[in-house]
Amino acid sequence: MNALPDAEGLYQTLLAGVKPLMREHTRLVGVTSGGAWLVERLQKDLGLPGTPGVISSAMHRDDFARRGMAASAQTQLPFDVDGSDVLLLDDVLYTGRTIRAVLNELFDFGRPGCVRLAVMVDRGGRELPVAADFAAAHLTLPDTQLLALARGNDGSLRFNVEEQA
């Protein structure tokens, strides 16, 4: 891969792309950890009241036995999930397995009326039939590389690429 995508620039594209997806009572929910950082900023930048939700995929992952509990935040949904309009946000959509796990977690809290997905980067490589309603960018990486969003102490966003074994 030549150059990493500009995370701050893609955040601005995501912000613009999320606006048309918002309805009167849409609740933002970020997938830990990158998606949680995104909803924190989006909640503020969109001028939404309250606190966004954070959701963890840890308990519903199909590779839980191999990965164990990640050191990520626990699920916090500060609203009644039943009948709600949920906009899930994540940094990178890849195989679809994290989103499947997150949906299982969400349904443990109730039955939402509608769930949509927005991501900063869709890198293809789907193993499950999951698609984002909005992706700020599409990027192809080798299967041996992991693209991850990182956040600086000042709140700035950047992408890192890690080689996987």
C-alpha atoms as a PDB file:
ATOM      1  CA  MET A   1       0.000   0.000   0.000  1.00  0.00           C
ATOM      2  CA  ASN A   2       1.431   3.372  -0.978  1.00  0.00           C
ATOM      3  CA  ALA A   3      -0.217   5.986   1.221  1.00  0.00           C
ATOM      4  CA  LEU A   4      -2.594   5.682   4.117  1.00  0.00           C
ATOM      5  CA  PRO A   5      -5.917   7.457   3.708  1.00  0.00           C
ATOM      6  CA  ASP A   6      -6.248  10.834   5.436  1.00  0.00           C
ATOM      7  CA  ALA A   7      -8.436   9.969   8.434  1.00  0.00           C
ATOM      8  CA  GLU A   8      -9.342  13.577   9.218  1.00  0.00           C
ATOM      9  CA  GLY A   9     -10.374  14.176   5.596  1.00  0.00           C
ATOM     10  CA  LEU A  10     -12.413  10.971   5.567  1.00  0.00           C
ATOM     11  CA  TYR A  11     -14.080  12.018   8.812  1.00  0.00           C
ATOM     12  CA  GLN A  12     -15.338  15.170   7.050  1.00  0.00           C
ATOM     13  CA  THR A  13     -16.656  12.998   4.190  1.00  0.00           C
ATOM     14  CA  LEU A  14     -18.321  10.696   6.746  1.00  0.00           C
ATOM     15  CA  LEU A  15     -19.905  13.676   8.515  1.00  0.00           C
ATOM     16  CA  ALA A  16     -21.373  14.921   5.220  1.00  0.00           C
ATOM     17  CA  GLY A  17     -22.535  11.395   4.275  1.00  0.00           C
ATOM     18  CA  VAL A  18     -24.206  10.713   7.624  1.00  0.00           C
ATOM     19  CA  LYS A  19     -26.321  13.891   7.553  1.00  0.00           C
ATOM     20  CA  PRO A  20     -28.790  12.553   4.929  1.00  0.00           C
ATOM     21  CA  LEU A  21     -29.097   9.287   6.906  1.00  0.00           C
ATOM     22  CA  MET A  22     -30.250  11.120  10.028  1.00  0.00           C
ATOM     23  CA  ARG A  23     -33.936  11.054  10.902  1.00  0.00           C
ATOM     24  CA  GLU A  24     -35.740  12.861  13.695  1.00  0.00           C
ATOM     25  CA  HIS A  25     -35.006  10.224  16.352  1.00  0.00           C
ATOM     26  CA  THR A  26     -31.897   8.497  14.981  1.00  0.00           C
ATOM     27  CA  ARG A  27     -29.513   7.274  17.678  1.00  0.00           C
ATOM     28  CA  LEU A  28     -25.801   6.995  16.917  1.00  0.00           C
ATOM     29  CA  VAL A  29     -24.014   3.861  18.110  1.00  0.00           C
ATOM     30  CA  GLY A  30     -20.289   3.363  17.606  1.00  0.00           C
ATOM     31  CA  VAL A  31     -18.539   0.006  17.437  1.00  0.00           C
ATOM     32  CA  THR A  32     -15.637  -0.068  19.915  1.00  0.00           C
ATOM     33  CA  SER A  33     -13.153   1.414  19.623  1.00  0.00           C
ATOM     34  CA  GLY A  34     -12.807   3.297  16.329  1.00  0.00           C
ATOM     35  CA  GLY A  35     -16.556   3.648  15.826  1.00  0.00           C
ATOM     36  CA  ALA A  36     -16.941   4.916  19.396  1.00  0.00           C
ATOM     37  CA  TRP A  37     -14.459   7.703  18.647  1.00  0.00           C
ATOM     38  CA  LEU A  38     -16.409   8.557  15.504  1.00  0.00           C
ATOM     39  CA  VAL A  39     -19.807   8.815  17.231  1.00  0.00           C
ATOM     40  CA  GLU A  40     -18.309  10.972  19.969  1.00  0.00           C
ATOM     41  CA  ARG A  41     -17.302  13.543  17.352  1.00  0.00           C
ATOM     42  CA  LEU A  42     -20.389  13.090  15.188  1.00  0.00           C
ATOM     43  CA  GLN A  43     -22.752  13.601  18.138  1.00  0.00           C
ATOM     44  CA  LYS A  44     -21.055  16.942  18.807  1.00  0.00           C
ATOM     45  CA  ASP A  45     -20.597  18.011  15.173  1.00  0.00           C
ATOM     46  CA  LEU A  46     -24.232  17.186  14.317  1.00  0.00           C
ATOM     47  CA  GLY A  47     -25.429  19.082  17.407  1.00  0.00           C
ATOM     48  CA  LEU A  48     -27.303  16.077  18.783  1.00  0.00           C
ATOM     49  CA  PRO A  49     -28.442  16.064  22.404  1.00  0.00           C
ATOM     50  CA  GLY A  50     -27.496  13.332  24.851  1.00  0.00           C
ATOM     51  CA  THR A  51     -24.817  10.716  24.684  1.00  0.00           C
ATOM     52  CA  PRO A  52     -24.169   8.360  21.763  1.00  0.00           C
ATOM     53  CA  GLY A  53     -24.197   4.616  22.286  1.00  0.00           C
ATOM     54  CA  VAL A  54     -21.140   2.379  22.283  1.00  0.00           C
ATOM     55  CA  ILE A  55     -21.366  -1.280  21.373  1.00  0.00           C
ATOM     56  CA  SER A  56     -18.868  -4.100  21.753  1.00  0.00           C
ATOM     57  CA  SER A  57     -18.637  -7.169  19.546  1.00  0.00           C
ATOM     58  CA  ALA A  58     -16.583  -9.135  22.100  1.00  0.00           C
ATOM     59  CA  MET A  59     -19.279 -11.430  23.502  1.00  0.00           C
ATOM     60  CA  HIS A  60     -20.691 -12.466  20.121  1.00  0.00           C
ATOM     61  CA  ARG A  61     -17.554 -12.961  18.049  1.00  0.00           C
ATOM     62  CA  ASP A  62     -17.245 -16.268  16.237  1.00  0.00           C
ATOM     63  CA  ASP A  63     -13.524 -16.256  17.111  1.00  0.00           C
ATOM     64  CA  PHE A  64     -14.053 -15.582  20.837  1.00  0.00           C
ATOM     65  CA  ALA A  65     -12.236 -18.790  21.834  1.00  0.00           C
ATOM     66  CA  ARG A  66      -9.137 -17.620  19.948  1.00  0.00           C
ATOM     67  CA  ARG A  67      -9.293 -13.893  20.757  1.00  0.00           C
ATOM     68  CA  GLY A  68     -10.786 -13.874  24.236  1.00  0.00           C
ATOM     69  CA  MET A  69     -12.043 -10.634  25.770  1.00  0.00           C
ATOM     70  CA  ALA A  70     -10.606  -7.615  24.051  1.00  0.00           C
ATOM     71  CA  ALA A  71      -9.581  -4.686  26.207  1.00  0.00           C
ATOM     72  CA  SER A  72     -12.333  -2.575  24.700  1.00  0.00           C
ATOM     73  CA  ALA A  73     -15.193  -0.655  26.214  1.00  0.00           C
ATOM     74  CA  GLN A  74     -18.339  -2.441  27.253  1.00  0.00           C
ATOM     75  CA  THR A  75     -21.658  -1.860  25.523  1.00  0.00           C
ATOM     76  CA  GLN A  76     -23.492   1.251  26.713  1.00  0.00           C
ATOM     77  CA  LEU A  77     -26.796   2.082  25.058  1.00  0.00           C
ATOM     78  CA  PRO A  78     -28.298   5.132  26.805  1.00  0.00           C
ATOM     79  CA  PHE A  79     -31.699   4.718  25.130  1.00  0.00           C
ATOM     80  CA  ASP A  80     -34.476   2.151  24.741  1.00  0.00           C
ATOM     81  CA  VAL A  81     -33.455  -0.047  21.800  1.00  0.00           C
ATOM     82  CA  ASP A  82     -37.001  -1.324  21.133  1.00  0.00           C
ATOM     83  CA  GLY A  83     -38.342   0.391  18.026  1.00  0.00           C
ATOM     84  CA  SER A  84     -35.415   2.801  17.792  1.00  0.00           C
ATOM     85  CA  ASP A  85     -33.721   4.023  14.633  1.00  0.00           C
ATOM     86  CA  VAL A  86     -30.047   3.075  15.037  1.00  0.00           C
ATOM     87  CA  LEU A  87     -27.175   4.288  12.910  1.00  0.00           C
ATOM     88  CA  LEU A  88     -24.143   2.077  13.578  1.00  0.00           C
ATOM     89  CA  LEU A  89     -20.733   3.581  12.891  1.00  0.00           C
ATOM     90  CA  ASP A  90     -17.433   1.799  12.472  1.00  0.00           C
ATOM     91  CA  ASP A  91     -14.013   2.763  11.217  1.00  0.00           C
ATOM     92  CA  VAL A  92     -13.327  -0.121   8.808  1.00  0.00           C
ATOM     93  CA  LEU A  93     -15.702  -2.639   7.238  1.00  0.00           C
ATOM     94  CA  TYR A  94     -13.882  -5.778   6.140  1.00  0.00           C
ATOM     95  CA  THR A  95     -15.241  -9.335   6.489  1.00  0.00           C
ATOM     96  CA  GLY A  96     -18.567  -8.353   8.073  1.00  0.00           C
ATOM     97  CA  ARG A  97     -17.994 -10.556  11.112  1.00  0.00           C
ATOM     98  CA  THR A  98     -17.695  -7.674  13.574  1.00  0.00           C
ATOM     99  CA  ILE A  99     -20.958  -6.171  12.316  1.00  0.00           C
ATOM    100  CA  ARG A 100     -22.686  -9.560  12.653  1.00  0.00           C
ATOM    101  CA  ALA A 101     -21.478  -9.791  16.260  1.00  0.00           C
ATOM    102  CA  VAL A 102     -22.544  -6.201  16.966  1.00  0.00           C
ATOM    103  CA  LEU A 103     -26.037  -6.854  15.604  1.00  0.00           C
ATOM    104  CA  ASN A 104     -26.353  -9.866  17.911  1.00  0.00           C
ATOM    105  CA  GLU A 105     -25.276  -7.672  20.832  1.00  0.00           C
ATOM    106  CA  LEU A 106     -27.734  -4.929  19.844  1.00  0.00           C
ATOM    107  CA  PHE A 107     -30.627  -7.406  19.719  1.00  0.00           C
ATOM    108  CA  ASP A 108     -29.705  -8.591  23.230  1.00  0.00           C
ATOM    109  CA  PHE A 109     -30.895  -5.123  24.328  1.00  0.00           C
ATOM    110  CA  GLY A 110     -34.129  -5.066  22.322  1.00  0.00           C
ATOM    111  CA  ARG A 111     -35.586  -5.046  18.830  1.00  0.00           C
ATOM    112  CA  PRO A 112     -34.702  -1.858  16.942  1.00  0.00           C
ATOM    113  CA  GLY A 113     -37.069  -0.549  14.302  1.00  0.00           C
ATOM    114  CA  CYS A 114     -34.248   0.097  11.851  1.00  0.00           C
ATOM    115  CA  VAL A 115     -30.481  -0.392  11.808  1.00  0.00           C
ATOM    116  CA  ARG A 116     -28.207   1.212   9.226  1.00  0.00           C
ATOM    117  CA  LEU A 117     -24.415   1.243   8.906  1.00  0.00           C
ATOM    118  CA  ALA A 118     -21.924   3.971   8.016  1.00  0.00           C
ATOM    119  CA  VAL A 119     -18.152   3.426   7.892  1.00  0.00           C
ATOM    120  CA  MET A 120     -15.065   5.471   7.146  1.00  0.00           C
ATOM    121  CA  VAL A 121     -13.448   2.781   4.979  1.00  0.00           C
ATOM    122  CA  ASP A 122     -14.930  -0.215   3.189  1.00  0.00           C
ATOM    123  CA  ARG A 123     -11.986  -2.409   2.285  1.00  0.00           C
ATOM    124  CA  GLY A 124     -13.978  -5.193   0.616  1.00  0.00           C
ATOM    125  CA  GLY A 125     -13.162  -8.828   1.421  1.00  0.00           C
ATOM    126  CA  ARG A 126     -16.624  -9.634   2.749  1.00  0.00           C
ATOM    127  CA  GLU A 127     -17.229 -13.103   4.180  1.00  0.00           C
ATOM    128  CA  LEU A 128     -20.816 -12.325   5.208  1.00  0.00           C
ATOM    129  CA  PRO A 129     -23.580 -10.453   3.338  1.00  0.00           C
ATOM    130  CA  VAL A 130     -23.039  -7.084   5.052  1.00  0.00           C
ATOM    131  CA  ALA A 131     -23.034  -3.740   3.259  1.00  0.00           C
ATOM    132  CA  ALA A 132     -22.674  -0.181   4.512  1.00  0.00           C
ATOM    133  CA  ASP A 133     -25.355   2.389   3.756  1.00  0.00           C
ATOM    134  CA  PHE A 134     -22.501   4.894   3.489  1.00  0.00           C
ATOM    135  CA  ALA A 135     -18.726   4.504   3.187  1.00  0.00           C
ATOM    136  CA  ALA A 136     -16.456   7.553   3.086  1.00  0.00           C
ATOM    137  CA  ALA A 137     -13.881   5.578   1.063  1.00  0.00           C
ATOM    138  CA  HIS A 138     -13.292   2.222  -0.607  1.00  0.00           C
ATOM    139  CA  LEU A 139      -9.821   0.755  -0.324  1.00  0.00           C
ATOM    140  CA  THR A 140      -8.202  -2.543  -1.226  1.00  0.00           C
ATOM    141  CA  LEU A 141      -5.515  -4.028   1.005  1.00  0.00           C
ATOM    142  CA  PRO A 142      -3.795  -7.407   1.019  1.00  0.00           C
ATOM    143  CA  ASP A 143      -5.380  -9.939   3.387  1.00  0.00           C
ATOM    144  CA  THR A 144      -2.161  -9.845   5.425  1.00  0.00           C
ATOM    145  CA  GLN A 145      -2.734  -6.201   6.396  1.00  0.00           C
ATOM    146  CA  LEU A 146      -5.050  -4.771   9.021  1.00  0.00           C
ATOM    147  CA  LEU A 147      -6.227  -1.163   8.714  1.00  0.00           C
ATOM    148  CA  ALA A 148      -7.008   0.418  12.078  1.00  0.00           C
ATOM    149  CA  LEU A 149      -8.085   3.867  13.163  1.00  0.00           C
ATOM    150  CA  ALA A 150      -5.990   5.481  15.887  1.00  0.00           C
ATOM    151  CA  ARG A 151      -6.715   8.586  17.947  1.00  0.00           C
ATOM    152  CA  GLY A 152      -4.106  11.017  19.184  1.00  0.00           C
ATOM    153  CA  ASN A 153      -4.109  12.692  22.593  1.00  0.00           C
ATOM    154  CA  ASP A 154      -5.528  15.803  20.928  1.00  0.00           C
ATOM    155  CA  GLY A 155      -8.435  13.774  19.472  1.00  0.00           C
ATOM    156  CA  SER A 156      -7.037  13.770  15.937  1.00  0.00           C
ATOM    157  CA  LEU A 157      -7.599  10.643  13.864  1.00  0.00           C
ATOM    158  CA  ARG A 158      -5.126   8.702  11.741  1.00  0.00           C
ATOM    159  CA  PHE A 159      -4.908   5.258  10.181  1.00  0.00           C
ATOM    160  CA  ASN A 160      -2.306   2.607  10.920  1.00  0.00           C
ATOM    161  CA  VAL A 161      -1.576  -0.515   8.906  1.00  0.00           C
ATOM    162  CA  GLU A 162      -0.427  -3.603  10.761  1.00  0.00           C
ATOM    163  CA  GLU A 163       0.833  -6.849   9.271  1.00  0.00           C
ATOM    164  CA  GLN A 164      -1.136  -9.896  10.403  1.00  0.00           C
ATOM    165  CA  ALA A 165       0.426 -13.289  10.928  1.00  0.00           C
END
